[in-house]
Structure formats: C-alpha cells, structure tokens
Protein backbone atom coordinates (compact mmCIF):
# COMPACT_ATOMS: atom_id res chain seq x y z
CA UNK A 1 80.52 12.40 77.60
CA UNK A 2 82.22 10.14 75.08
CA UNK A 3 79.93 7.24 75.97
CA UNK A 4 76.84 9.41 75.43
CA UNK A 5 78.15 10.57 72.07
CA UNK A 6 78.86 6.98 71.00
CA UNK A 7 75.36 5.90 72.01
CA UNK A 8 73.86 8.77 70.01
CA UNK A 9 75.93 7.85 66.95
CA UNK A 10 74.90 4.19 67.28
CA UNK A 11 71.24 5.18 67.57
CA UNK A 12 71.45 7.38 64.47
CA UNK A 13 73.23 4.60 62.58
CA UNK A 14 70.46 2.18 63.59
CA UNK A 15 67.81 4.61 62.33
CA UNK A 16 69.56 5.06 58.97
CA UNK A 17 67.84 2.16 57.13
CA UNK A 18 64.46 3.17 58.60
CA UNK A 19 64.82 6.74 57.38
CA UNK A 20 66.00 5.58 53.96
CA UNK A 21 62.99 3.30 53.54
CA UNK A 22 60.60 6.07 54.61
CA UNK A 23 62.14 8.28 51.90
CA UNK A 24 61.69 5.42 49.41
CA UNK A 25 58.00 5.07 50.27
CA UNK A 26 57.50 8.83 49.90
CA UNK A 27 59.06 8.58 46.43
CA UNK A 28 56.82 5.63 45.52
CA UNK A 29 53.76 7.48 46.77
CA UNK A 30 54.63 10.40 44.51
CA UNK A 31 54.95 8.03 41.56
CA UNK A 32 51.48 6.61 42.19
CA UNK A 33 49.95 10.08 42.18
CA UNK A 34 51.83 11.07 39.01
CA UNK A 35 50.85 7.77 37.33
CA UNK A 36 47.20 8.72 37.90
CA UNK A 37 47.78 12.14 36.35
CA UNK A 38 49.67 10.73 33.35
CA UNK A 39 47.02 8.06 32.74
CA UNK A 40 44.35 10.76 32.99
CA UNK A 41 46.27 12.66 30.28
CA UNK A 42 46.00 9.61 28.01
CA UNK A 43 49.59 8.35 28.22
CA UNK A 44 50.21 4.67 27.53
CA UNK A 45 51.51 3.19 30.79
CA UNK A 46 53.71 0.63 29.02
CA UNK A 47 55.53 3.49 27.34
CA UNK A 48 55.71 5.27 30.68
CA UNK A 49 57.42 2.22 32.21
CA UNK A 50 59.95 2.23 29.35
CA UNK A 51 60.66 5.94 29.81
CA UNK A 52 60.99 5.42 33.55
CA UNK A 53 63.95 3.08 33.15
CA UNK A 54 65.49 5.17 30.36
CA UNK A 55 65.50 8.22 32.64
CA UNK A 56 66.78 6.10 35.53
CA UNK A 57 69.73 4.86 33.47
CA UNK A 58 70.57 8.35 32.23
CA UNK A 59 70.46 9.65 35.79
CA UNK A 60 72.27 6.99 37.81
CA UNK A 61 74.92 5.82 35.30
CA UNK A 62 77.07 9.01 35.39
CA UNK A 63 76.83 9.05 39.20
CA UNK A 64 77.98 5.43 39.40
CA UNK A 65 80.85 6.01 36.96
CA UNK A 66 82.09 8.98 38.96
CA UNK A 67 81.55 7.95 42.60
CA UNK A 68 82.54 4.29 42.30
CA UNK A 69 85.24 4.62 39.65
CA UNK A 70 87.95 3.37 42.05
CA UNK A 71 86.00 0.94 44.22
CA UNK A 72 84.00 -0.90 41.55
CA UNK A 73 84.83 -4.64 41.42
CA UNK A 74 85.26 -6.55 38.19
CA UNK A 75 82.09 -7.02 36.17
CA UNK A 76 81.72 -10.79 35.87
CA UNK A 77 79.20 -12.86 33.93
CA UNK A 78 77.45 -13.72 37.19
CA UNK A 79 77.01 -10.03 38.01
CA UNK A 80 75.65 -9.40 34.51
CA UNK A 81 73.18 -12.26 34.95
CA UNK A 82 72.09 -10.89 38.33
CA UNK A 83 71.70 -7.43 36.78
CA UNK A 84 69.59 -8.87 33.97
CA UNK A 85 67.36 -10.74 36.44
CA UNK A 86 67.10 -7.63 38.62
CA UNK A 87 65.99 -5.56 35.64
CA UNK A 88 63.48 -8.27 34.70
CA UNK A 89 61.92 -9.11 38.08
CA UNK A 90 62.37 -5.77 39.79
CA UNK A 91 61.71 -3.61 36.77
CA UNK A 92 60.10 -4.34 33.43
CA UNK A 93 58.20 -7.55 34.25
CA UNK A 94 56.82 -6.55 37.65
CA UNK A 95 55.77 -3.09 36.42
CA UNK A 96 54.08 -4.36 33.26
CA UNK A 97 52.29 -7.16 35.11
CA UNK A 98 50.95 -4.61 37.56
CA UNK A 99 49.60 -2.22 34.91
CA UNK A 100 48.03 -5.14 33.02
CA UNK A 101 46.26 -6.19 36.22
CA UNK A 102 45.00 -2.62 36.58
CA UNK A 103 43.45 -2.82 33.11
CA UNK A 104 41.67 -6.10 33.86
CA UNK A 105 40.48 -5.36 37.41
CA UNK A 106 40.65 -2.03 39.20
CA UNK A 107 43.22 0.15 40.92
CA UNK A 108 41.75 -0.70 44.33
CA UNK A 109 41.81 -4.45 43.76
CA UNK A 110 45.30 -4.50 42.22
CA UNK A 111 46.81 -2.31 44.95
CA UNK A 112 45.32 -4.60 47.60
CA UNK A 113 46.83 -7.72 46.03
CA UNK A 114 50.23 -6.04 45.81
CA UNK A 115 50.25 -5.69 49.60
CA UNK A 116 50.79 -9.44 49.81
CA UNK A 117 54.42 -8.75 48.86
CA UNK A 118 55.74 -8.83 52.48
CA UNK A 119 54.18 -12.26 53.05
CA UNK A 120 55.64 -13.64 49.81
CA UNK A 121 59.02 -12.08 50.63
CA UNK A 122 58.88 -13.62 54.12
CA UNK A 123 58.28 -17.10 52.64
CA UNK A 124 61.05 -16.72 50.04
CA UNK A 125 63.50 -15.32 52.60
CA UNK A 126 62.91 -18.28 54.90
CA UNK A 127 63.19 -20.70 51.96
CA UNK A 128 66.57 -19.24 50.93
CA UNK A 129 67.65 -19.03 54.61
CA UNK A 130 67.92 -15.24 54.55
CA UNK A 131 65.58 -14.97 57.54
CA UNK A 132 65.08 -17.14 60.62
CA UNK A 133 61.49 -18.04 61.48
CA UNK A 134 62.17 -18.81 65.19
CA UNK A 135 58.55 -18.47 66.31
CA UNK A 136 59.52 -19.48 69.84
CA UNK A 137 61.51 -16.30 70.33
CA UNK A 138 59.83 -12.91 70.95
CA UNK A 139 61.66 -11.43 67.93
CA UNK A 140 60.33 -14.13 65.59
CA UNK A 141 56.78 -13.74 66.90
CA UNK A 142 57.00 -9.95 66.48
CA UNK A 143 58.16 -10.28 62.84
CA UNK A 144 55.38 -12.71 61.97
CA UNK A 145 52.67 -10.73 63.79
CA UNK A 146 53.89 -7.42 62.35
CA UNK A 147 53.88 -8.78 58.80
CA UNK A 148 50.31 -10.06 59.19
CA UNK A 149 49.17 -6.78 60.76
CA UNK A 150 50.68 -4.81 57.87
CA UNK A 151 48.88 -6.97 55.31
CA UNK A 152 45.61 -6.78 57.28
CA UNK A 153 45.89 -3.01 57.57
CA UNK A 154 46.48 -2.68 53.84
CA UNK A 155 43.42 -4.80 53.08
CA UNK A 156 41.31 -2.80 55.53
CA UNK A 157 42.49 0.50 54.07
CA UNK A 158 41.73 -0.71 50.54
CA UNK A 159 38.38 -2.47 50.88
CA UNK A 160 36.63 -0.80 53.83
CA UNK A 161 35.52 2.84 53.74
CA UNK A 162 33.21 3.56 56.64
CA UNK A 163 32.49 7.06 57.89
CA UNK A 164 34.03 9.93 55.94
CA UNK A 165 36.42 12.27 57.75
CA UNK A 166 36.89 15.91 56.83
CA UNK A 167 40.19 16.48 58.63
CA UNK A 168 41.38 18.98 56.03
CA UNK A 169 40.16 20.24 52.70
CA UNK A 170 42.45 21.96 50.21
CA UNK A 171 39.83 21.94 47.41
CA UNK A 172 42.64 20.98 45.01
CA UNK A 173 41.85 18.41 42.32
CA UNK A 174 44.68 17.97 39.81
CA UNK A 175 42.75 15.31 37.92
CA UNK A 176 39.83 17.65 37.11
CA UNK A 177 37.98 14.58 35.91
CA UNK A 178 37.59 11.03 37.04
CA UNK A 179 38.97 8.16 35.04
CA UNK A 180 36.26 6.09 33.47
CA UNK A 181 36.14 2.73 35.12
CA UNK A 182 35.34 -0.06 32.74
CA UNK A 183 32.76 -2.56 33.93
CA UNK A 184 34.40 -5.84 34.89
CA UNK A 185 31.62 -8.23 34.00
CA UNK A 186 33.92 -10.96 32.74
CA UNK A 187 34.94 -13.05 35.74
CA UNK A 188 37.66 -14.65 33.61
CA UNK A 189 39.33 -11.28 33.08
CA UNK A 190 39.09 -10.54 36.80
CA UNK A 191 40.71 -13.87 37.63
CA UNK A 192 43.47 -13.22 35.08
CA UNK A 193 43.99 -9.75 36.57
CA UNK A 194 44.30 -11.26 40.03
CA UNK A 195 46.90 -13.74 38.78
CA UNK A 196 48.85 -10.94 37.08
CA UNK A 197 48.86 -8.89 40.29
CA UNK A 198 50.09 -11.93 42.23
CA UNK A 199 52.75 -12.39 39.56
CA UNK A 200 53.85 -8.79 40.10
CA UNK A 201 54.14 -9.44 43.86
CA UNK A 202 56.17 -12.59 43.25
CA UNK A 203 58.47 -10.74 40.83
CA UNK A 204 59.13 -7.94 43.33
CA UNK A 205 59.79 -10.41 46.16
CA UNK A 206 62.11 -12.42 43.89
CA UNK A 207 63.97 -9.22 43.01
CA UNK A 208 64.56 -8.53 46.72
CA UNK A 209 66.11 -12.00 47.07
CA UNK A 210 68.28 -11.50 43.96
CA UNK A 211 69.34 -8.08 45.23
CA UNK A 212 70.36 -9.66 48.53
CA UNK A 213 72.62 -12.13 46.74
CA UNK A 214 73.98 -9.45 44.41
CA UNK A 215 74.78 -6.97 47.18
CA UNK A 216 76.87 -9.62 48.96
CA UNK A 217 79.36 -9.86 46.08
CA UNK A 218 78.84 -6.59 44.19
CA UNK A 219 78.77 -3.94 46.90
CA UNK A 220 78.76 -0.89 44.61
CA UNK A 221 75.13 0.15 45.01
CA UNK A 222 75.09 2.92 42.40
CA UNK A 223 76.65 0.62 39.83
CA UNK A 224 74.23 -2.22 40.60
CA UNK A 225 71.30 0.20 40.24
CA UNK A 226 72.69 1.49 36.94
CA UNK A 227 73.11 -2.07 35.68
CA UNK A 228 69.55 -2.97 36.69
CA UNK A 229 68.13 0.20 35.10
CA UNK A 230 70.00 -0.40 31.84
CA UNK A 231 68.76 -3.98 31.63
CA UNK A 232 65.24 -2.93 32.60
CA UNK A 233 65.16 -0.16 29.99
CA UNK A 234 66.14 -2.57 27.20
CA UNK A 235 63.47 -5.05 28.25
CA UNK A 236 60.74 -2.41 28.83
CA UNK A 237 61.40 -0.62 25.53
CA UNK A 238 61.30 -3.91 23.64
CA UNK A 239 58.00 -4.89 25.23
CA UNK A 240 56.46 -1.45 24.69
CA UNK A 241 57.47 -1.46 21.01
CA UNK A 242 55.80 -4.84 20.55
CA UNK A 243 52.55 -3.59 22.09
CA UNK A 244 52.50 0.04 20.93
CA UNK A 245 53.97 1.08 17.56
CA UNK A 246 52.24 4.42 17.17
CA UNK A 247 55.07 6.96 17.43
CA UNK A 248 52.79 9.77 18.54
CA UNK A 249 52.39 7.96 21.87
CA UNK A 250 56.16 8.16 22.45
CA UNK A 251 56.33 11.96 22.17
CA UNK A 252 57.07 13.86 25.36
CA UNK A 253 56.36 17.56 25.70
CA UNK A 254 56.70 20.01 28.55
CA UNK A 255 53.76 18.45 30.34
CA UNK A 256 52.75 15.93 32.99
CA UNK A 257 54.07 13.06 30.88
CA UNK A 258 57.64 14.35 30.95
CA UNK A 259 57.37 15.16 34.67
CA UNK A 260 56.09 11.66 35.48
CA UNK A 261 58.76 9.92 33.41
CA UNK A 262 61.58 12.06 34.82
CA UNK A 263 60.42 11.84 38.45
CA UNK A 264 59.72 8.10 38.38
CA UNK A 265 63.07 7.44 36.69
CA UNK A 266 65.27 9.60 38.92
CA UNK A 267 63.51 9.28 42.30
CA UNK A 268 61.53 6.02 42.25
CA UNK A 269 64.14 3.98 40.38
CA UNK A 270 67.49 5.79 40.39
CA UNK A 271 67.75 6.86 44.04
CA UNK A 272 65.14 4.56 45.60
CA UNK A 273 66.60 1.34 44.21
CA UNK A 274 70.02 2.42 45.46
CA UNK A 275 68.57 3.02 48.92
CA UNK A 276 66.76 -0.34 48.80
CA UNK A 277 70.00 -2.15 47.87
CA UNK A 278 71.77 -0.49 50.79
CA UNK A 279 68.96 -1.37 53.23
CA UNK A 280 68.88 -4.97 52.02
CA UNK A 281 72.59 -5.19 52.75
CA UNK A 282 72.05 -3.78 56.25
CA UNK A 283 68.77 -5.43 57.31
CA UNK A 284 67.68 -8.03 54.74
CA UNK A 285 64.82 -8.37 52.22
CA UNK A 286 61.99 -8.73 54.77
CA UNK A 287 62.89 -5.40 56.36
CA UNK A 288 62.49 -3.69 52.99
CA UNK A 289 59.23 -5.37 52.02
CA UNK A 290 57.36 -4.55 55.26
CA UNK A 291 57.54 -0.86 54.37
CA UNK A 292 55.35 -1.42 51.27
CA UNK A 293 52.00 -0.91 53.05
CA UNK A 294 53.26 2.46 54.29
CA UNK A 295 52.98 3.69 50.71
CA UNK A 296 49.20 3.19 50.84
CA UNK A 297 48.98 5.49 53.85
CA UNK A 298 51.05 8.17 52.13
CA UNK A 299 49.06 7.87 48.90
CA UNK A 300 45.82 8.27 50.84
CA UNK A 301 47.13 11.43 52.52
CA UNK A 302 48.57 12.94 49.34
CA UNK A 303 45.43 12.01 47.41
CA UNK A 304 43.26 13.83 49.93
CA UNK A 305 45.49 16.91 49.58
CA UNK A 306 45.93 17.26 45.81
CA UNK A 307 43.40 14.88 44.19
CA UNK A 308 40.37 15.79 46.31
CA UNK A 309 40.05 12.20 47.56
CA UNK A 310 38.21 11.67 50.84
CA UNK A 311 39.59 10.01 53.96
CA UNK A 312 37.37 7.37 55.57
CA UNK A 313 37.35 5.37 58.79
CA UNK A 314 38.86 2.38 57.00
CA UNK A 315 41.81 4.52 55.88
CA UNK A 316 42.51 5.65 59.45
CA UNK A 317 42.15 2.17 61.00
CA UNK A 318 44.23 0.59 58.23
CA UNK A 319 46.96 3.20 58.66
CA UNK A 320 47.10 2.52 62.41
CA UNK A 321 47.41 -1.23 61.84
CA UNK A 322 50.14 -0.71 59.23
CA UNK A 323 52.18 1.53 61.54
CA UNK A 324 51.82 -0.89 64.49
CA UNK A 325 52.76 -3.85 62.30
CA UNK A 326 55.76 -1.97 60.93
CA UNK A 327 56.92 -1.12 64.44
CA UNK A 328 56.57 -4.79 65.49
CA UNK A 329 58.77 -5.99 62.62
CA UNK A 330 61.36 -3.29 63.32
CA UNK A 331 61.37 -4.26 67.00
CA UNK A 332 61.88 -7.93 66.10
CA UNK A 333 64.72 -7.13 63.70
CA UNK A 334 66.31 -4.88 66.32
CA UNK A 335 66.22 -7.64 68.93
CA UNK A 336 67.83 -10.08 66.51
CA UNK A 337 70.63 -7.64 65.70
CA UNK A 338 71.13 -6.87 69.39
CA UNK A 339 71.36 -10.56 70.23
CA UNK A 340 73.89 -11.13 67.46
CA UNK A 341 76.02 -8.13 68.44
CA UNK A 342 76.02 -9.18 72.12
CA UNK A 343 77.13 -12.72 71.30
CA UNK A 344 80.04 -11.62 69.10
CA UNK A 345 82.22 -9.60 71.57
CA UNK A 346 82.27 -12.35 74.19
CA UNK A 347 83.53 -14.90 71.66
CA UNK A 348 86.10 -12.49 70.31
CA UNK A 349 87.31 -11.61 73.79
CA UNK A 350 87.72 -15.23 74.72
CA UNK A 351 89.93 -15.96 71.74
CA UNK A 352 91.99 -12.85 72.18
CA UNK A 353 92.46 -13.51 75.88
CA UNK A 354 93.55 -17.09 75.36
CA UNK A 355 95.90 -15.88 72.65
CA UNK A 356 97.53 -13.33 74.96
CA UNK A 357 98.17 -16.01 77.62
CA UNK A 358 99.90 -18.22 75.07
CA UNK A 359 102.01 -15.34 73.83
CA UNK A 360 103.51 -14.45 77.21
CA UNK A 361 104.66 -18.03 77.84
CA UNK A 362 108.27 -18.09 76.73
CA UNK A 363 111.02 -20.66 77.15
CA UNK A 364 114.44 -19.51 78.42
CA UNK A 365 116.08 -22.26 76.44
CA UNK A 366 117.52 -20.94 73.20
CA UNK A 367 116.70 -24.20 71.48
CA UNK A 368 113.02 -23.65 72.16
CA UNK A 369 112.97 -20.08 70.84
CA UNK A 370 111.93 -21.29 67.45
CA UNK A 371 109.08 -23.32 68.93
CA UNK A 372 108.04 -20.35 71.07
CA UNK A 373 108.00 -18.06 68.04
CA UNK A 374 105.97 -20.62 66.12
CA UNK A 375 103.49 -20.85 68.99
CA UNK A 376 103.26 -17.08 69.12
CA UNK A 377 102.68 -16.84 65.37
CA UNK A 378 100.07 -19.61 65.49
CA UNK A 379 98.13 -18.00 68.33
CA UNK A 380 98.29 -14.61 66.60
CA UNK A 381 96.85 -16.22 63.48
CA UNK A 382 94.10 -17.87 65.55
CA UNK A 383 93.25 -14.58 67.21
CA UNK A 384 93.20 -12.82 63.84
CA UNK A 385 90.90 -15.49 62.40
CA UNK A 386 88.56 -15.20 65.38
CA UNK A 387 88.44 -11.44 65.00
CA UNK A 388 87.72 -11.67 61.26
CA UNK A 389 84.99 -14.23 61.96
CA UNK A 390 83.40 -11.94 64.50
CA UNK A 391 83.53 -8.98 62.14
CA UNK A 392 81.91 -11.02 59.37
CA UNK A 393 79.08 -11.95 61.76
CA UNK A 394 78.53 -8.28 62.52
CA UNK A 395 78.31 -7.45 58.85
C-alpha cells in the first residue's frame, strides 16, 4: 500500500512541470487573443508592452516580499546583472522586436518564425552544455526528432490551410471587424521584419539560458520574477516614451486596454515567468521551449470560439504533429532523468556500504583507539561526501 502511494506521489511530482507549462501556454494563448482585441481598439502595442511589465511588477513584488522574506538570499551585483539581462532579453527587447516584425510583415509570418525558438534554444543549450546531444541514445534521438516535429507542425499550422472544418460554431466575434492588413510590397521591409522576428526568437532563447544560470544561484522564483519585471518595466517604458509621446495613448479606461494590460502583466508575466523559472530549474531550458508550439494550437481553438476564426485541415494536422513532437521530447527527457536517478543510488550504496565495513573494524589495543576513531571519522566524512554528491546529481 505504501509502495503504491509512493509511486503515485512520484508520478504526480513528475507531471508537475508538464502541468505548469500547459498552464503557461494557456496564459500566453489568452494574451495573444487579448493583444488582437487591444490592437483592434487602436492601442499602441509598445505602450501595451510597457503596461504589461508595470502590472507584472505591481503584482509579483508584494508576493515575493511576503512569501520569500526569510529565504531570500543576498542580492549581489551578479544577480542584479542577471535580472537586468532577463528583463532585456526575456521582456522588453523580445516583445518589442516581435511587435515591430508584426508591423513589417504579418501576424501569420511573424508567429511562424517565432516557432523556431525551440531549435535556437536547443543549439544554445548544447553550446552552454545545459543539454546533452547524445544522438546515439534513444532519448537523444527522441529530443531531436520531437523538436523538429514541433517546428514542422507549427509551420504547417501557420502556412497551410486546406479544407475547412466546421467542428463547432459559437457565432461569437469579439473583433467585430477585421484589422486592415497593409500591403507588404517592399521586400526590404519584409526581410527586415524576418530578421526582427528571428531576433525575438534569439532573445527569448537567450533569456531561457540566463534564467537557467540565475535559478542555480538565486532560487527564489518570485523574487527573480519581480526583479526581471522591474527591470523590464523600466526598459519598456523608456523605449515607449521615445517612440510615443502622445499622452492620450497612455490613458487606460475601464475597457479592453486595461483588461489586456492587467491580464498580460499578472498572468503572462507575473505567474507564468515564475512557473517557467521553476520548470527550468527542474527540467532545463529545452523542456520549456518545446511547449511554445502548443500555444498556436490553443490560439487556433480559442480563436475559433470567440473570434469567429475557422479551423482548417492544416490546423488539425499541425496540432497533431506538435502534440506528437511534444510527447517525444518529454519521453526523451524522462528517460534521461530515469537513467540519472538509477545510476545515483548504486553509487551511493557502494560508498555507504564500504564505509560501514570500515567502521566496524576496531582494534582492541588502546594505543590504536585514536587511529580507529580517526579512520571512523574519515570514512564517515567520505560517506557524507558521497551522499551529498549523489543528492546534487539528483537536483
């Protein structure tokens, strides 16, 4: 009975990062829908990005001060630098590059380019030795194949329509009008938009790497999110003021603009970034990035429900590929963790067993008692070091 309960607890603990990342993608999908509504209302998206981080800071800072008031480590200059870089690459810069690419290309094209984030993250993680390529092992092949399938599914979902499906019809259209799409006749602007979208991908992948390093030394996730949000808000507000000085654009009423700013700040940045930091600590940056294409599936479903967007064959096939690719990466990561956890107990047991044999050997000679005690203390220290090493490998 106890063994079954332990297995259930271990299974639930293993599912924890998966569930957290699914919640994160639901939050991001909601932000994409609200961004469309706010842009349709005429709100400047640079100002929206600034408000997003202002609301995030106001939301997460009191939580961090209260929950982690006793466990927060000392705020060093290195942590401040990492917080500044997190706010830059994971916040203001990546968001503003993305919306600039939207203006120069199209939402479809920009969202497709952004799905290259898992591939870029995979390359950076291998470069910084945060992931093992190991293509000869089944786990390594599954991670590589799953990443490629996720990217391929995102491209298929974005660029291919095919036959239209009428699975459900709510007849709800919150936009009430379609955004005017500007003709992109200038190939130079389209190329610049593509480069900006790639820059946004690189910034997000770089942020995942920085967050990995930061979470290793600064394990207070609420505080790290608050620090990132504060830095990001300063940067985003400064950039928005340089580009938009008309104060009427900064006014928020009881409308979709306030809802979008509050939701994106509290859910998509405040809570979601905290969850991402926790999942990076548990599974690494690649694990987090492979969930990105899932957002496209959720946006397609939500869009068909509340924005009167139609589902097509390409959406269904792309969603299937994304889910299969996601499962392949999760399977590969699970096998790696299982292999690591299986190798640790045997090593620990060996050291502890050898230590216990040395401890029971005692000399009857009183003159050798000191040597025996020294041997016992030495073997205890060796056993303790082996145990600490094993625990660090598990972490």
